[in-house]
Amino acid sequence: MDNKRSATRFLTLALACALALRVAYVLSLPNTPPTWRDSRHYIAIATSLVREGRYEDTVGRFFNEPLFSDEGPTAFWLPGYPLLVALSMIFFGVSPRALMLANAGLGASAVFFVFRVGRTLFGLRSACFGSLLAVISPSLLYYAGSIGTETLVALCLVWALDGFLISREAWTDVATGSSARWWSSVTLGLALLAGALTRTLLLPVGLVLLIALGHAVRSRSGSARTAMTACLAPAAIVLLGLAPWLIRNYLVFGEVIYECKVGLNMVIGFNDQADGTFSLLGVPDLDSSQFTELQRDHVYRHLATTWISEHPGRSLLLMGRKLILFWNPVPAFWGGIVAMGATAWTLSSLVLAAIGLLARYRRHPGSRFLIYAILAYVLPISLAFSITRFRVPIEAVLAIPAGAAVDSLVDLVSRWRQIKAH
């Protein structure tokens, strides 16, 4: 089945199905303003960008919760998704449905990279099964119909994995020309930059991929200089892309700031009432008239690190609980038979992904970077709080080894039938 025409036909059909399913789901939802906190912040910032050319928030306090971002200039929310929302507003106006349709397109695009990575690592059949799992994944489908970052983060993850494979091939093949190598670095750099502008958790993923790239190039080429060049080129693209954001924050806040959210996330995860989930019960409500957004971030970081130092045993238990909660297959927002079906799907997908990763670990050493990338995304969550929503982007990645596992099981059944027939 490994021929270009079959692959093109299947991929076209898979992308069409992915887009059709997501668009149909979005069209079934009401075209009303979102009530979810994060969505309101994204829309407010995007509206400010479109109307005034300023990166400012106008939401303020959400009910009686502690204040997240200030009204006015903010660095609480990374600019990746608000910029995408602003772009949608320029072309389609302030339409919640248009924003969800944009997410539907992003979700379908992720299937494209799931297929490419799966084919490169495990072959065409595995890629087909993996992309099918990504097409019909309930979680990926559900969040394609929301105004949030999950679908974009999923796309950035699988795009970065594909960029890594392209760069590894280009920089380790002596027959590859210099122009092809530099273009592969641009591909990886843009993918890592998109992730860095969207979610903090993608920073360690990018670092791990660059380390894995350098190691692969050094091992195969024997040149430390070539390995360093392969890593520094995409890293430079990320730094250049982040520079306008960092400079803007320095001019506004007087500090080089990447994000003002880390302190709040940490104190949510480490306080006397913390249970590993998203709960604001133990978070002190700092008065906005006395503390700016940046000052609150510093205070929250200090409170969290102090609590960790005073409660090392409980901190370790909370970190372990967060990692367990991350893999919790029970959906947070559904109930009844829908929850049972979603739980069964998630459990099956996780088992298949584990089988695929473990079974191919020795047979395909070049696929081990998948495990490292997943760990780089998951482990930092233990320093904040855990909700099943954070796992959604990883499910696009897990579809890749899960497809390989399905391929192996199908092959096993086929062999068993042949033996039985004889």
Foldseek 3Di string as FASTA:
>chain_A
DFDDVVLVVLLVVLLVLLLVLLLVVLVVDDFDQDPDPVLQQLLQQLVCCQPPVARFGQPFDDPPFFTQADGTHFQAAQCLLSVVVNVQCVPPNPILSSLLSVLSNLLSLLLVLLLLLLCVFFRNQLSSQLSNCSSPQPLSSVCSNHSACQSVLLSLVSQLSNLLVQLLVQLLDPPHDPVSNLVSLVSNLVSLLSNLRHDVLSVLLLVLSLVVSLVSNCVRVVDNVSSVVSSVSSVVSNCVSCVVVQVVCCVVPVHRDNHLNLLVQQLCLFAPPHQQARDRPRPDRDDCVVAHSNRSSVVSNVVNVVRCVVCVPVLVVSLVVNLVQLLQQQADPDDDPVRVVSSVSSVLLVVLLVCLCVVCVVVRVVPVSLVVSVCSSRNCSSSGHHHNSSCSSCSSSSSSSSSSSVVVVVVVVVVVVVVVVD
